[in-house]
C-alpha cells in the first residue's frame, strides 16, 4: 500500500500528525498513537495490521 493512501485513511478516521520522527511519522487520535514508516510503499501486512488495530478494515 502506498504511504499516502494509508495516511489518507488514518486522517479520515480522525488521526492528526503529531510529529516527524527519525524514520517514522507519528499520528495520534485521542489516546491512540500510530507510527507510520516513512517509505513510499508500506508492506501490505503492516498496512492491514495498522488499519485493523484502529478498526478501519
N, C-alpha and C. Protein backbone atom coordinates (compact mmCIF):
# COMPACT_ATOMS: atom_id res chain seq x y z
N UNK A 1 0.85 -1.17 0.00
CA UNK A 1 0.00 0.00 0.00
C UNK A 1 0.90 1.24 0.00
N UNK A 2 0.49 2.24 -0.72
CA UNK A 2 1.25 3.48 -0.73
C UNK A 2 1.07 4.21 0.60
N UNK A 3 2.14 4.85 1.05
CA UNK A 3 2.11 5.54 2.34
C UNK A 3 1.03 6.62 2.35
N UNK A 4 0.91 7.37 1.26
CA UNK A 4 -0.07 8.46 1.28
C UNK A 4 -1.50 7.94 1.31
N UNK A 5 -1.77 6.74 0.77
CA UNK A 5 -3.10 6.16 0.86
C UNK A 5 -3.42 5.75 2.30
N UNK A 6 -2.44 5.18 2.98
CA UNK A 6 -2.62 4.80 4.39
C UNK A 6 -2.85 6.04 5.25
N UNK A 7 -2.07 7.07 5.04
CA UNK A 7 -2.21 8.30 5.82
C UNK A 7 -3.56 8.95 5.56
N UNK A 8 -4.01 8.91 4.30
CA UNK A 8 -5.31 9.48 3.96
C UNK A 8 -6.43 8.78 4.73
N UNK A 9 -6.35 7.45 4.82
CA UNK A 9 -7.36 6.70 5.56
C UNK A 9 -7.32 7.00 7.05
N UNK A 10 -6.10 7.16 7.59
CA UNK A 10 -5.98 7.50 9.01
C UNK A 10 -6.54 8.90 9.28
N UNK A 11 -6.25 9.85 8.40
CA UNK A 11 -6.76 11.22 8.59
C UNK A 11 -8.28 11.27 8.52
N UNK A 12 -8.87 10.49 7.61
CA UNK A 12 -10.33 10.44 7.52
C UNK A 12 -10.94 9.88 8.79
N UNK A 13 -10.18 9.04 9.50
CA UNK A 13 -10.65 8.45 10.75
C UNK A 13 -10.40 9.37 11.95
N UNK A 14 -9.77 10.52 11.71
CA UNK A 14 -9.57 11.48 12.79
C UNK A 14 -8.15 11.58 13.33
N UNK A 15 -7.20 10.87 12.74
CA UNK A 15 -5.82 10.96 13.19
C UNK A 15 -5.19 12.24 12.67
N UNK A 16 -4.30 12.83 13.46
CA UNK A 16 -3.57 14.03 13.05
C UNK A 16 -2.08 13.80 13.26
N UNK A 17 -1.28 14.46 12.44
CA UNK A 17 0.17 14.33 12.56
C UNK A 17 0.63 15.01 13.83
N UNK A 18 1.31 14.25 14.68
CA UNK A 18 1.86 14.82 15.92
C UNK A 18 3.27 15.33 15.67
N UNK A 19 4.10 14.50 15.03
CA UNK A 19 5.47 14.91 14.78
C UNK A 19 6.12 14.00 13.75
N UNK A 20 7.21 14.48 13.19
CA UNK A 20 8.03 13.67 12.30
C UNK A 20 9.15 13.10 13.16
N UNK A 21 9.32 11.79 13.14
CA UNK A 21 10.40 11.15 13.88
C UNK A 21 11.57 10.92 12.95
N UNK A 22 12.53 10.13 13.39
CA UNK A 22 13.71 9.84 12.58
C UNK A 22 13.36 9.05 11.34
N UNK A 23 12.67 7.94 11.49
CA UNK A 23 12.31 7.09 10.36
C UNK A 23 10.80 6.91 10.23
N UNK A 24 10.04 7.48 11.16
CA UNK A 24 8.59 7.31 11.17
C UNK A 24 7.92 8.65 11.40
N UNK A 25 6.67 8.74 10.97
CA UNK A 25 5.82 9.87 11.32
C UNK A 25 4.84 9.37 12.37
N UNK A 26 4.52 10.21 13.33
CA UNK A 26 3.65 9.80 14.44
C UNK A 26 2.30 10.49 14.29
N UNK A 27 1.25 9.68 14.21
CA UNK A 27 -0.11 10.19 14.11
C UNK A 27 -0.87 9.81 15.38
N UNK A 28 -1.70 10.72 15.88
CA UNK A 28 -2.44 10.48 17.12
C UNK A 28 -3.92 10.78 16.94
N UNK A 29 -4.70 10.05 17.74
CA UNK A 29 -6.15 10.29 17.84
C UNK A 29 -6.53 9.92 19.26
N UNK A 30 -6.94 10.90 20.03
CA UNK A 30 -7.27 10.71 21.44
C UNK A 30 -6.08 10.05 22.14
N UNK A 31 -6.23 8.81 22.62
CA UNK A 31 -5.12 8.16 23.31
C UNK A 31 -4.42 7.12 22.45
N UNK A 32 -4.77 7.04 21.15
CA UNK A 32 -4.13 6.10 20.23
C UNK A 32 -2.98 6.80 19.52
N UNK A 33 -1.91 6.05 19.29
CA UNK A 33 -0.73 6.59 18.62
C UNK A 33 -0.25 5.56 17.61
N UNK A 34 -0.03 6.01 16.37
CA UNK A 34 0.44 5.12 15.31
C UNK A 34 1.74 5.65 14.72
N UNK A 35 2.71 4.76 14.60
CA UNK A 35 3.97 5.09 13.95
C UNK A 35 3.89 4.61 12.51
N UNK A 36 3.98 5.51 11.56
CA UNK A 36 3.90 5.17 10.15
C UNK A 36 5.29 5.30 9.54
N UNK A 37 5.83 4.21 8.99
CA UNK A 37 7.17 4.28 8.40
C UNK A 37 7.20 5.27 7.24
N UNK A 38 8.31 5.93 7.07
CA UNK A 38 8.44 6.92 6.02
C UNK A 38 9.04 6.26 4.77
N UNK A 39 8.22 5.41 4.13
CA UNK A 39 8.58 4.75 2.88
C UNK A 39 7.46 5.04 1.89
N UNK A 40 7.78 5.07 0.61
CA UNK A 40 6.72 5.28 -0.38
C UNK A 40 5.77 4.10 -0.41
N UNK A 41 6.30 2.89 -0.27
CA UNK A 41 5.48 1.68 -0.23
C UNK A 41 5.60 1.06 1.16
N UNK A 42 4.46 0.75 1.76
CA UNK A 42 4.44 0.11 3.07
C UNK A 42 4.00 -1.33 2.86
N UNK A 43 4.69 -2.25 3.52
CA UNK A 43 4.37 -3.67 3.43
C UNK A 43 2.87 -3.87 3.64
N UNK A 44 2.26 -4.66 2.77
CA UNK A 44 0.80 -4.85 2.80
C UNK A 44 0.32 -5.39 4.15
N UNK A 45 1.05 -6.34 4.72
CA UNK A 45 0.63 -6.91 6.01
C UNK A 45 0.72 -5.88 7.13
N UNK A 46 1.72 -5.01 7.09
CA UNK A 46 1.85 -3.95 8.10
C UNK A 46 0.71 -2.95 7.95
N UNK A 47 0.42 -2.55 6.73
CA UNK A 47 -0.67 -1.60 6.49
C UNK A 47 -2.00 -2.16 6.98
N UNK A 48 -2.27 -3.43 6.69
CA UNK A 48 -3.51 -4.06 7.14
C UNK A 48 -3.57 -4.13 8.65
N UNK A 49 -2.43 -4.42 9.29
CA UNK A 49 -2.39 -4.50 10.75
C UNK A 49 -2.69 -3.13 11.38
N UNK A 50 -2.14 -2.07 10.80
CA UNK A 50 -2.39 -0.72 11.32
C UNK A 50 -3.86 -0.38 11.18
N UNK A 51 -4.44 -0.67 10.02
CA UNK A 51 -5.85 -0.37 9.79
C UNK A 51 -6.75 -1.21 10.71
N UNK A 52 -6.43 -2.48 10.86
CA UNK A 52 -7.22 -3.37 11.69
C UNK A 52 -7.16 -2.95 13.16
N UNK A 53 -5.97 -2.58 13.61
CA UNK A 53 -5.77 -2.16 15.00
C UNK A 53 -6.63 -0.95 15.35
N UNK A 54 -6.94 -0.14 14.34
CA UNK A 54 -7.73 1.06 14.57
C UNK A 54 -9.16 0.94 14.07
N UNK A 55 -9.59 -0.26 13.72
CA UNK A 55 -10.96 -0.51 13.32
C UNK A 55 -11.34 0.08 11.98
N UNK A 56 -10.38 0.17 11.05
CA UNK A 56 -10.63 0.76 9.74
C UNK A 56 -10.73 -0.26 8.62
N UNK A 57 -10.76 -1.54 8.95
CA UNK A 57 -10.87 -2.58 7.92
C UNK A 57 -12.28 -3.11 7.89
